[in-house]
Full PDB file with SEQRES, HELIX, SHEET, SSBOND, CRYST1, ORIGX, SCALE, CONECT and MASTER records, all heavy atoms in Angstrom:
SEQRES   1 A   32  TRP THR SER GLU ILE LEU ARG GLU ALA ILE ARG ARG ALA          
SEQRES   2 A   32  LYS GLY GLY LYS GLU PRO ILE GLU LEU LEU ILE GLU ASN          
SEQRES   3 A   32  GLU GLU TYR PHE HIS SER                                      
HELIX    1 AA1 SER A    3  ALA A   13  1                                  11    
SHEET    1 AA1 2 ILE A  24  ASN A  26  0                                        
SHEET    2 AA1 2 TYR A  29  HIS A  31 -1                                        
CRYST1    1.000    1.000    1.000  90.00  90.00  90.00 P 1           1          
ORIGX1      1.000000  0.000000  0.000000        0.00000                         
ORIGX2      0.000000  1.000000  0.000000        0.00000                         
ORIGX3      0.000000  0.000000  1.000000        0.00000                         
SCALE1      1.000000  0.000000  0.000000        0.00000                         
SCALE2      0.000000  1.000000  0.000000        0.00000                         
SCALE3      0.000000  0.000000  1.000000        0.00000                         
ATOM      1  N   TRP A   1     -19.348   9.801   3.385  1.00  0.00           N  
ATOM      2  CA  TRP A   1     -19.473   9.094   4.617  1.00  0.00           C  
ATOM      3  C   TRP A   1     -20.550   8.176   4.759  1.00  0.00           C  
ATOM      4  O   TRP A   1     -21.729   8.375   4.320  1.00  0.00           O  
ATOM      5  CB  TRP A   1     -19.741  10.114   5.615  1.00  0.00           C  
ATOM      6  CG  TRP A   1     -19.930   9.439   7.094  1.00  0.00           C  
ATOM      7  CD1 TRP A   1     -18.962   9.049   7.917  1.00  0.00           C  
ATOM      8  CD2 TRP A   1     -21.129   9.042   7.578  1.00  0.00           C  
ATOM      9  NE1 TRP A   1     -19.452   8.495   8.932  1.00  0.00           N  
ATOM     10  CE2 TRP A   1     -20.957   8.394   8.893  1.00  0.00           C  
ATOM     11  CE3 TRP A   1     -22.435   9.169   7.297  1.00  0.00           C  
ATOM     12  CZ2 TRP A   1     -21.931   7.969   9.771  1.00  0.00           C  
ATOM     13  CZ3 TRP A   1     -23.460   8.652   8.051  1.00  0.00           C  
ATOM     14  CH2 TRP A   1     -23.111   8.049   9.318  1.00  0.00           C  
ATOM     15  N   THR A   2     -20.383   6.948   5.091  1.00  0.00           N  
ATOM     16  CA  THR A   2     -21.387   5.936   5.560  1.00  0.00           C  
ATOM     17  C   THR A   2     -20.640   5.244   6.752  1.00  0.00           C  
ATOM     18  O   THR A   2     -19.456   5.330   6.967  1.00  0.00           O  
ATOM     19  CB  THR A   2     -21.654   4.816   4.451  1.00  0.00           C  
ATOM     20  OG1 THR A   2     -20.383   4.027   4.307  1.00  0.00           O  
ATOM     21  CG2 THR A   2     -22.101   5.441   3.227  1.00  0.00           C  
ATOM     22  N   SER A   3     -21.386   4.669   7.601  1.00  0.00           N  
ATOM     23  CA  SER A   3     -20.906   4.091   8.707  1.00  0.00           C  
ATOM     24  C   SER A   3     -19.959   2.993   8.397  1.00  0.00           C  
ATOM     25  O   SER A   3     -19.006   2.759   8.968  1.00  0.00           O  
ATOM     26  CB  SER A   3     -21.978   3.454   9.649  1.00  0.00           C  
ATOM     27  OG  SER A   3     -22.752   2.471   8.907  1.00  0.00           O  
ATOM     28  N   GLU A   4     -20.227   2.217   7.255  1.00  0.00           N  
ATOM     29  CA  GLU A   4     -19.224   1.043   6.859  1.00  0.00           C  
ATOM     30  C   GLU A   4     -17.960   1.692   6.315  1.00  0.00           C  
ATOM     31  O   GLU A   4     -16.871   1.171   6.722  1.00  0.00           O  
ATOM     32  CB  GLU A   4     -19.881   0.293   5.738  1.00  0.00           C  
ATOM     33  CG  GLU A   4     -19.088  -0.911   5.479  1.00  0.00           C  
ATOM     34  CD  GLU A   4     -18.594  -1.776   6.588  1.00  0.00           C  
ATOM     35  OE1 GLU A   4     -19.512  -2.001   7.482  1.00  0.00           O  
ATOM     36  OE2 GLU A   4     -17.527  -2.254   6.546  1.00  0.00           O  
ATOM     37  N   ILE A   5     -17.977   2.852   5.622  1.00  0.00           N  
ATOM     38  CA  ILE A   5     -16.781   3.621   5.136  1.00  0.00           C  
ATOM     39  C   ILE A   5     -15.953   3.984   6.339  1.00  0.00           C  
ATOM     40  O   ILE A   5     -14.655   3.852   6.338  1.00  0.00           O  
ATOM     41  CB  ILE A   5     -17.076   4.536   4.149  1.00  0.00           C  
ATOM     42  CG1 ILE A   5     -17.442   3.959   2.766  1.00  0.00           C  
ATOM     43  CG2 ILE A   5     -15.916   5.532   3.980  1.00  0.00           C  
ATOM     44  CD1 ILE A   5     -17.912   4.923   1.774  1.00  0.00           C  
ATOM     45  N   LEU A   6     -16.587   4.523   7.354  1.00  0.00           N  
ATOM     46  CA  LEU A   6     -15.799   5.039   8.561  1.00  0.00           C  
ATOM     47  C   LEU A   6     -15.212   3.864   9.254  1.00  0.00           C  
ATOM     48  O   LEU A   6     -14.067   3.989   9.625  1.00  0.00           O  
ATOM     49  CB  LEU A   6     -16.785   5.760   9.461  1.00  0.00           C  
ATOM     50  CG  LEU A   6     -16.015   6.253  10.847  1.00  0.00           C  
ATOM     51  CD1 LEU A   6     -15.010   7.136  10.511  1.00  0.00           C  
ATOM     52  CD2 LEU A   6     -17.161   6.919  11.632  1.00  0.00           C  
ATOM     53  N   ARG A   7     -16.001   2.745   9.459  1.00  0.00           N  
ATOM     54  CA  ARG A   7     -15.415   1.559  10.133  1.00  0.00           C  
ATOM     55  C   ARG A   7     -14.251   1.012   9.311  1.00  0.00           C  
ATOM     56  O   ARG A   7     -13.215   0.518   9.859  1.00  0.00           O  
ATOM     57  CB  ARG A   7     -16.470   0.529  10.318  1.00  0.00           C  
ATOM     58  CG  ARG A   7     -17.558   0.941  11.314  1.00  0.00           C  
ATOM     59  CD  ARG A   7     -18.592  -0.051  11.489  1.00  0.00           C  
ATOM     60  NE  ARG A   7     -18.057  -1.105  12.246  1.00  0.00           N  
ATOM     61  CZ  ARG A   7     -18.522  -2.466  12.340  1.00  0.00           C  
ATOM     62  NH1 ARG A   7     -19.590  -2.675  11.675  1.00  0.00           N  
ATOM     63  NH2 ARG A   7     -17.950  -3.294  13.053  1.00  0.00           N  
ATOM     64  N   GLU A   8     -14.311   0.924   7.929  1.00  0.00           N  
ATOM     65  CA  GLU A   8     -13.248   0.452   7.088  1.00  0.00           C  
ATOM     66  C   GLU A   8     -11.949   1.358   7.264  1.00  0.00           C  
ATOM     67  O   GLU A   8     -10.875   0.751   7.311  1.00  0.00           O  
ATOM     68  CB  GLU A   8     -13.688   0.477   5.692  1.00  0.00           C  
ATOM     69  CG  GLU A   8     -12.616   0.009   4.662  1.00  0.00           C  
ATOM     70  CD  GLU A   8     -13.158   0.067   3.167  1.00  0.00           C  
ATOM     71  OE1 GLU A   8     -14.247  -0.105   3.035  1.00  0.00           O  
ATOM     72  OE2 GLU A   8     -12.212   0.398   2.384  1.00  0.00           O  
ATOM     73  N   ALA A   9     -12.186   2.625   7.313  1.00  0.00           N  
ATOM     74  CA  ALA A   9     -11.070   3.583   7.477  1.00  0.00           C  
ATOM     75  C   ALA A   9     -10.353   3.386   8.828  1.00  0.00           C  
ATOM     76  O   ALA A   9      -9.136   3.310   8.955  1.00  0.00           O  
ATOM     77  CB  ALA A   9     -11.536   4.956   7.291  1.00  0.00           C  
ATOM     78  N   ILE A  10     -11.075   3.036   9.908  1.00  0.00           N  
ATOM     79  CA  ILE A  10     -10.555   2.844  11.233  1.00  0.00           C  
ATOM     80  C   ILE A  10      -9.784   1.389  11.147  1.00  0.00           C  
ATOM     81  O   ILE A  10      -8.720   1.357  11.699  1.00  0.00           O  
ATOM     82  CB  ILE A  10     -11.703   2.766  12.292  1.00  0.00           C  
ATOM     83  CG1 ILE A  10     -12.225   4.194  12.448  1.00  0.00           C  
ATOM     84  CG2 ILE A  10     -11.145   2.335  13.693  1.00  0.00           C  
ATOM     85  CD1 ILE A  10     -13.540   4.217  13.266  1.00  0.00           C  
ATOM     86  N   ARG A  11     -10.356   0.455  10.525  1.00  0.00           N  
ATOM     87  CA  ARG A  11      -9.690  -0.804  10.341  1.00  0.00           C  
ATOM     88  C   ARG A  11      -8.350  -0.579   9.666  1.00  0.00           C  
ATOM     89  O   ARG A  11      -7.321  -1.334  10.038  1.00  0.00           O  
ATOM     90  CB  ARG A  11     -10.625  -1.860   9.781  1.00  0.00           C  
ATOM     91  CG  ARG A  11     -11.571  -2.384  10.669  1.00  0.00           C  
ATOM     92  CD  ARG A  11     -12.347  -3.629  10.041  1.00  0.00           C  
ATOM     93  NE  ARG A  11     -13.050  -3.255   8.788  1.00  0.00           N  
ATOM     94  CZ  ARG A  11     -14.355  -3.074   8.755  1.00  0.00           C  
ATOM     95  NH1 ARG A  11     -15.087  -3.031   9.807  1.00  0.00           N  
ATOM     96  NH2 ARG A  11     -14.917  -2.782   7.542  1.00  0.00           N  
ATOM     97  N   ARG A  12      -8.323  -0.011   8.528  1.00  0.00           N  
ATOM     98  CA  ARG A  12      -7.122   0.222   7.686  1.00  0.00           C  
ATOM     99  C   ARG A  12      -6.061   1.013   8.478  1.00  0.00           C  
ATOM    100  O   ARG A  12      -4.965   0.759   8.211  1.00  0.00           O  
ATOM    101  CB  ARG A  12      -7.622   0.915   6.462  1.00  0.00           C  
ATOM    102  CG  ARG A  12      -8.239   0.002   5.460  1.00  0.00           C  
ATOM    103  CD  ARG A  12      -8.508   0.706   4.154  1.00  0.00           C  
ATOM    104  NE  ARG A  12      -8.892  -0.194   3.260  1.00  0.00           N  
ATOM    105  CZ  ARG A  12      -9.010  -0.020   1.909  1.00  0.00           C  
ATOM    106  NH1 ARG A  12      -8.456   1.045   1.433  1.00  0.00           N  
ATOM    107  NH2 ARG A  12      -9.453  -0.916   1.100  1.00  0.00           N  
ATOM    108  N   ALA A  13      -6.448   1.957   9.332  1.00  0.00           N  
ATOM    109  CA  ALA A  13      -5.529   2.734  10.000  1.00  0.00           C  
ATOM    110  C   ALA A  13      -4.836   1.997  11.072  1.00  0.00           C  
ATOM    111  O   ALA A  13      -3.791   2.305  11.550  1.00  0.00           O  
ATOM    112  CB  ALA A  13      -6.241   4.064  10.569  1.00  0.00           C  
ATOM    113  N   LYS A  14      -5.338   0.870  11.564  1.00  0.00           N  
ATOM    114  CA  LYS A  14      -4.713   0.038  12.611  1.00  0.00           C  
ATOM    115  C   LYS A  14      -3.490  -0.487  12.189  1.00  0.00           C  
ATOM    116  O   LYS A  14      -3.337  -1.160  11.188  1.00  0.00           O  
ATOM    117  CB  LYS A  14      -5.752  -0.971  13.015  1.00  0.00           C  
ATOM    118  CG  LYS A  14      -5.138  -1.793  14.258  1.00  0.00           C  
ATOM    119  CD  LYS A  14      -6.159  -2.872  14.683  1.00  0.00           C  
ATOM    120  CE  LYS A  14      -5.517  -3.555  15.918  1.00  0.00           C  
ATOM    121  NZ  LYS A  14      -6.487  -4.516  16.514  1.00  0.00           N  
ATOM    122  N   GLY A  15      -2.454  -0.111  12.920  1.00  0.00           N  
ATOM    123  CA  GLY A  15      -1.122  -0.579  12.671  1.00  0.00           C  
ATOM    124  C   GLY A  15      -0.381   0.177  11.592  1.00  0.00           C  
ATOM    125  O   GLY A  15       0.803  -0.024  11.361  1.00  0.00           O  
ATOM    126  N   GLY A  16      -1.057   1.207  10.976  1.00  0.00           N  
ATOM    127  CA  GLY A  16      -0.582   1.997   9.859  1.00  0.00           C  
ATOM    128  C   GLY A  16      -0.022   3.308  10.444  1.00  0.00           C  
ATOM    129  O   GLY A  16       0.017   3.514  11.699  1.00  0.00           O  
ATOM    130  N   LYS A  17       0.371   4.135   9.482  1.00  0.00           N  
ATOM    131  CA  LYS A  17       0.960   5.448   9.952  1.00  0.00           C  
ATOM    132  C   LYS A  17       0.001   6.629   9.361  1.00  0.00           C  
ATOM    133  O   LYS A  17       0.232   7.671   9.790  1.00  0.00           O  
ATOM    134  CB  LYS A  17       2.426   5.495   9.362  1.00  0.00           C  
ATOM    135  CG  LYS A  17       3.214   4.534   9.908  1.00  0.00           C  
ATOM    136  CD  LYS A  17       4.761   4.990  10.237  1.00  0.00           C  
ATOM    137  CE  LYS A  17       5.719   4.001  10.727  1.00  0.00           C  
ATOM    138  NZ  LYS A  17       5.418   3.538  12.037  1.00  0.00           N  
ATOM    139  N   GLU A  18      -0.804   6.406   8.354  1.00  0.00           N  
ATOM    140  CA  GLU A  18      -1.547   7.478   7.724  1.00  0.00           C  
ATOM    141  C   GLU A  18      -2.671   7.822   8.714  1.00  0.00           C  
ATOM    142  O   GLU A  18      -3.313   6.940   9.184  1.00  0.00           O  
ATOM    143  CB  GLU A  18      -2.090   6.973   6.414  1.00  0.00           C  
ATOM    144  CG  GLU A  18      -0.894   6.914   5.370  1.00  0.00           C  
ATOM    145  CD  GLU A  18      -0.407   8.190   5.018  1.00  0.00           C  
ATOM    146  OE1 GLU A  18      -1.041   9.124   4.891  1.00  0.00           O  
ATOM    147  OE2 GLU A  18       0.858   8.313   4.953  1.00  0.00           O  
ATOM    148  N   PRO A  19      -3.023   9.163   8.941  1.00  0.00           N  
ATOM    149  CA  PRO A  19      -4.128   9.451   9.672  1.00  0.00           C  
ATOM    150  C   PRO A  19      -5.458   9.286   8.935  1.00  0.00           C  
ATOM    151  O   PRO A  19      -5.527   9.170   7.699  1.00  0.00           O  
ATOM    152  CB  PRO A  19      -3.891  11.014   9.909  1.00  0.00           C  
ATOM    153  CG  PRO A  19      -3.054  11.422   8.740  1.00  0.00           C  
ATOM    154  CD  PRO A  19      -2.227  10.201   8.444  1.00  0.00           C  
ATOM    155  N   ILE A  20      -6.538   9.346   9.650  1.00  0.00           N  
ATOM    156  CA  ILE A  20      -7.882   9.250   9.017  1.00  0.00           C  
ATOM    157  C   ILE A  20      -8.261  10.636   8.729  1.00  0.00           C  
ATOM    158  O   ILE A  20      -8.153  11.541   9.561  1.00  0.00           O  
ATOM    159  CB  ILE A  20      -8.911   8.606   9.928  1.00  0.00           C  
ATOM    160  CG1 ILE A  20      -8.511   7.179  10.225  1.00  0.00           C  
ATOM    161  CG2 ILE A  20     -10.314   8.671   9.433  1.00  0.00           C  
ATOM    162  CD1 ILE A  20      -9.148   6.527  11.365  1.00  0.00           C  
ATOM    163  N   GLU A  21      -8.787  11.048   7.538  1.00  0.00           N  
ATOM    164  CA  GLU A  21      -9.125  12.396   7.133  1.00  0.00           C  
ATOM    165  C   GLU A  21     -10.634  12.554   7.138  1.00  0.00           C  
ATOM    166  O   GLU A  21     -11.246  11.753   6.546  1.00  0.00           O  
ATOM    167  CB  GLU A  21      -8.639  12.745   5.722  1.00  0.00           C  
ATOM    168  CG  GLU A  21      -7.183  13.079   5.779  1.00  0.00           C  
ATOM    169  CD  GLU A  21      -6.815  13.758   4.493  1.00  0.00           C  
ATOM    170  OE1 GLU A  21      -7.573  14.599   4.014  1.00  0.00           O  
ATOM    171  OE2 GLU A  21      -5.686  13.393   3.974  1.00  0.00           O  
ATOM    172  N   LEU A  22     -11.142  13.480   7.856  1.00  0.00           N  
ATOM    173  CA  LEU A  22     -12.541  13.635   7.940  1.00  0.00           C  
ATOM    174  C   LEU A  22     -12.983  14.953   7.381  1.00  0.00           C  
ATOM    175  O   LEU A  22     -12.182  16.024   7.706  1.00  0.00           O  
ATOM    176  CB  LEU A  22     -13.083  13.647   9.450  1.00  0.00           C  
ATOM    177  CG  LEU A  22     -12.761  12.402  10.207  1.00  0.00           C  
ATOM    178  CD1 LEU A  22     -13.202  12.515  11.623  1.00  0.00           C  
ATOM    179  CD2 LEU A  22     -13.312  11.092   9.467  1.00  0.00           C  
ATOM    180  N   LEU A  23     -13.911  15.110   6.518  1.00  0.00           N  
ATOM    181  CA  LEU A  23     -14.375  16.413   5.960  1.00  0.00           C  
ATOM    182  C   LEU A  23     -15.682  16.685   6.731  1.00  0.00           C  
ATOM    183  O   LEU A  23     -16.656  15.928   6.760  1.00  0.00           O  
ATOM    184  CB  LEU A  23     -14.740  16.384   4.478  1.00  0.00           C  
ATOM    185  CG  LEU A  23     -15.201  17.574   3.787  1.00  0.00           C  
ATOM    186  CD1 LEU A  23     -14.246  18.727   3.972  1.00  0.00           C  
ATOM    187  CD2 LEU A  23     -15.659  17.390   2.428  1.00  0.00           C  
ATOM    188  N   ILE A  24     -15.611  17.882   7.364  1.00  0.00           N  
ATOM    189  CA  ILE A  24     -16.839  18.248   8.277  1.00  0.00           C  
ATOM    190  C   ILE A  24     -17.391  19.509   7.679  1.00  0.00           C  
ATOM    191  O   ILE A  24     -16.637  20.384   7.330  1.00  0.00           O  
ATOM    192  CB  ILE A  24     -16.249  18.555   9.672  1.00  0.00           C  
ATOM    193  CG1 ILE A  24     -15.445  17.287  10.342  1.00  0.00           C  
ATOM    194  CG2 ILE A  24     -17.436  18.923  10.647  1.00  0.00           C  
ATOM    195  CD1 ILE A  24     -16.311  16.162  10.550  1.00  0.00           C  
ATOM    196  N   GLU A  25     -18.819  19.626   7.746  1.00  0.00           N  
ATOM    197  CA  GLU A  25     -19.483  20.832   7.521  1.00  0.00           C  
ATOM    198  C   GLU A  25     -20.031  21.493   8.687  1.00  0.00           C  
ATOM    199  O   GLU A  25     -20.698  20.742   9.463  1.00  0.00           O  
ATOM    200  CB  GLU A  25     -20.620  20.529   6.487  1.00  0.00           C  
ATOM    201  CG  GLU A  25     -21.515  21.763   6.213  1.00  0.00           C  
ATOM    202  CD  GLU A  25     -22.580  21.393   5.336  1.00  0.00           C  
ATOM    203  OE1 GLU A  25     -23.029  20.209   5.215  1.00  0.00           O  
ATOM    204  OE2 GLU A  25     -23.250  22.278   4.637  1.00  0.00           O  
ATOM    205  N   ASN A  26     -19.732  22.670   8.955  1.00  0.00           N  
ATOM    206  CA  ASN A  26     -20.434  23.350  10.120  1.00  0.00           C  
ATOM    207  C   ASN A  26     -21.118  24.681   9.479  1.00  0.00           C  
ATOM    208  O   ASN A  26     -20.364  25.708   9.217  1.00  0.00           O  
ATOM    209  CB  ASN A  26     -19.189  23.737  11.157  1.00  0.00           C  
ATOM    210  CG  ASN A  26     -19.797  24.307  12.540  1.00  0.00           C  
ATOM    211  OD1 ASN A  26     -21.022  24.151  12.575  1.00  0.00           O  
ATOM    212  ND2 ASN A  26     -18.904  24.751  13.292  1.00  0.00           N  
ATOM    213  N   GLU A  27     -22.302  24.686   9.448  1.00  0.00           N  
ATOM    214  CA  GLU A  27     -23.102  25.718   8.848  1.00  0.00           C  
ATOM    215  C   GLU A  27     -22.568  25.894   7.370  1.00  0.00           C  
ATOM    216  O   GLU A  27     -22.720  25.041   6.609  1.00  0.00           O  
ATOM    217  CB  GLU A  27     -23.159  26.933   9.679  1.00  0.00           C  
ATOM    218  CG  GLU A  27     -23.793  26.788  10.979  1.00  0.00           C  
ATOM    219  CD  GLU A  27     -23.930  28.019  11.852  1.00  0.00           C  
ATOM    220  OE1 GLU A  27     -23.648  29.211  11.355  1.00  0.00           O  
ATOM    221  OE2 GLU A  27     -24.295  27.810  13.032  1.00  0.00           O  
ATOM    222  N   GLU A  28     -22.004  27.094   7.065  1.00  0.00           N  
ATOM    223  CA  GLU A  28     -21.603  27.343   5.803  1.00  0.00           C  
ATOM    224  C   GLU A  28     -20.046  26.984   5.512  1.00  0.00           C  
ATOM    225  O   GLU A  28     -19.399  27.375   4.466  1.00  0.00           O  
ATOM    226  CB  GLU A  28     -21.769  28.792   5.367  1.00  0.00           C  
ATOM    227  CG  GLU A  28     -21.096  29.786   6.248  1.00  0.00           C  
ATOM    228  CD  GLU A  28     -21.723  31.129   5.897  1.00  0.00           C  
ATOM    229  OE1 GLU A  28     -22.897  31.445   6.005  1.00  0.00           O  
ATOM    230  OE2 GLU A  28     -20.806  31.970   5.547  1.00  0.00           O  
ATOM    231  N   TYR A  29     -19.390  26.504   6.610  1.00  0.00           N  
ATOM    232  CA  TYR A  29     -17.936  26.196   6.506  1.00  0.00           C  
ATOM    233  C   TYR A  29     -17.574  24.783   6.398  1.00  0.00           C  
ATOM    234  O   TYR A  29     -18.317  24.026   7.047  1.00  0.00           O  
ATOM    235  CB  TYR A  29     -17.231  26.879   7.748  1.00  0.00           C  
ATOM    236  CG  TYR A  29     -17.460  28.431   7.844  1.00  0.00           C  
ATOM    237  CD1 TYR A  29     -18.416  28.941   8.640  1.00  0.00           C  
ATOM    238  CD2 TYR A  29     -16.501  29.132   7.095  1.00  0.00           C  
ATOM    239  CE1 TYR A  29     -18.552  30.319   8.657  1.00  0.00           C  
ATOM    240  CE2 TYR A  29     -16.672  30.614   7.227  1.00  0.00           C  
ATOM    241  CZ  TYR A  29     -17.727  31.190   7.994  1.00  0.00           C  
ATOM    242  OH  TYR A  29     -17.811  32.482   8.097  1.00  0.00           O  
ATOM    243  N   PHE A  30     -16.662  24.555   5.752  1.00  0.00           N  
ATOM    244  CA  PHE A  30     -16.096  23.157   5.630  1.00  0.00           C  
ATOM    245  C   PHE A  30     -14.604  23.088   6.151  1.00  0.00           C  
ATOM    246  O   PHE A  30     -13.885  24.048   6.089  1.00  0.00           O  
ATOM    247  CB  PHE A  30     -16.049  22.706   4.134  1.00  0.00           C  
ATOM    248  CG  PHE A  30     -17.208  22.580   3.491  1.00  0.00           C  
ATOM    249  CD1 PHE A  30     -17.865  23.816   2.798  1.00  0.00           C  
ATOM    250  CD2 PHE A  30     -18.099  21.418   3.522  1.00  0.00           C  
ATOM    251  CE1 PHE A  30     -19.085  23.587   2.287  1.00  0.00           C  
ATOM    252  CE2 PHE A  30     -19.254  21.285   2.765  1.00  0.00           C  
ATOM    253  CZ  PHE A  30     -19.771  22.489   2.319  1.00  0.00           C  
ATOM    254  N   HIS A  31     -14.399  21.994   6.914  1.00  0.00           N  
ATOM    255  CA  HIS A  31     -13.037  21.913   7.383  1.00  0.00           C  
ATOM    256  C   HIS A  31     -12.553  20.468   7.400  1.00  0.00           C  
ATOM    257  O   HIS A  31     -13.366  19.602   7.651  1.00  0.00           O  
ATOM    258  CB  HIS A  31     -12.924  22.339   8.812  1.00  0.00           C  
ATOM    259  CG  HIS A  31     -11.594  22.654   9.453  1.00  0.00           C  
ATOM    260  ND1 HIS A  31     -10.845  21.626   9.832  1.00  0.00           N  
ATOM    261  CD2 HIS A  31     -10.936  23.827   9.519  1.00  0.00           C  
ATOM    262  CE1 HIS A  31      -9.658  22.143  10.194  1.00  0.00           C  
ATOM    263  NE2 HIS A  31      -9.872  23.489   9.912  1.00  0.00           N  
ATOM    264  N   SER A  32     -11.323  20.195   7.039  1.00  0.00           N  
ATOM    265  CA  SER A  32     -10.725  18.853   6.921  1.00  0.00           C  
ATOM    266  C   SER A  32      -9.947  18.684   8.200  1.00  0.00           C  
ATOM    267  O   SER A  32      -9.148  19.501   8.518  1.00  0.00           O  
ATOM    268  CB  SER A  32      -9.851  18.816   5.752  1.00  0.00           C  
ATOM    269  OG  SER A  32      -9.429  17.494   5.707  1.00  0.00           O  
TER     270      SER A  32                                                      
MASTER        0    0    0    1    2    0    0    6  269    1    0    3          
END                                                                             
């Protein structure tokens, strides 16, 4: 993650069908 990569993913998703995938860490757990 960087702010530019997130912005690019949002721009690419516009008008498309693929969702944006986020990998999140919450303490010792990871979730997509």
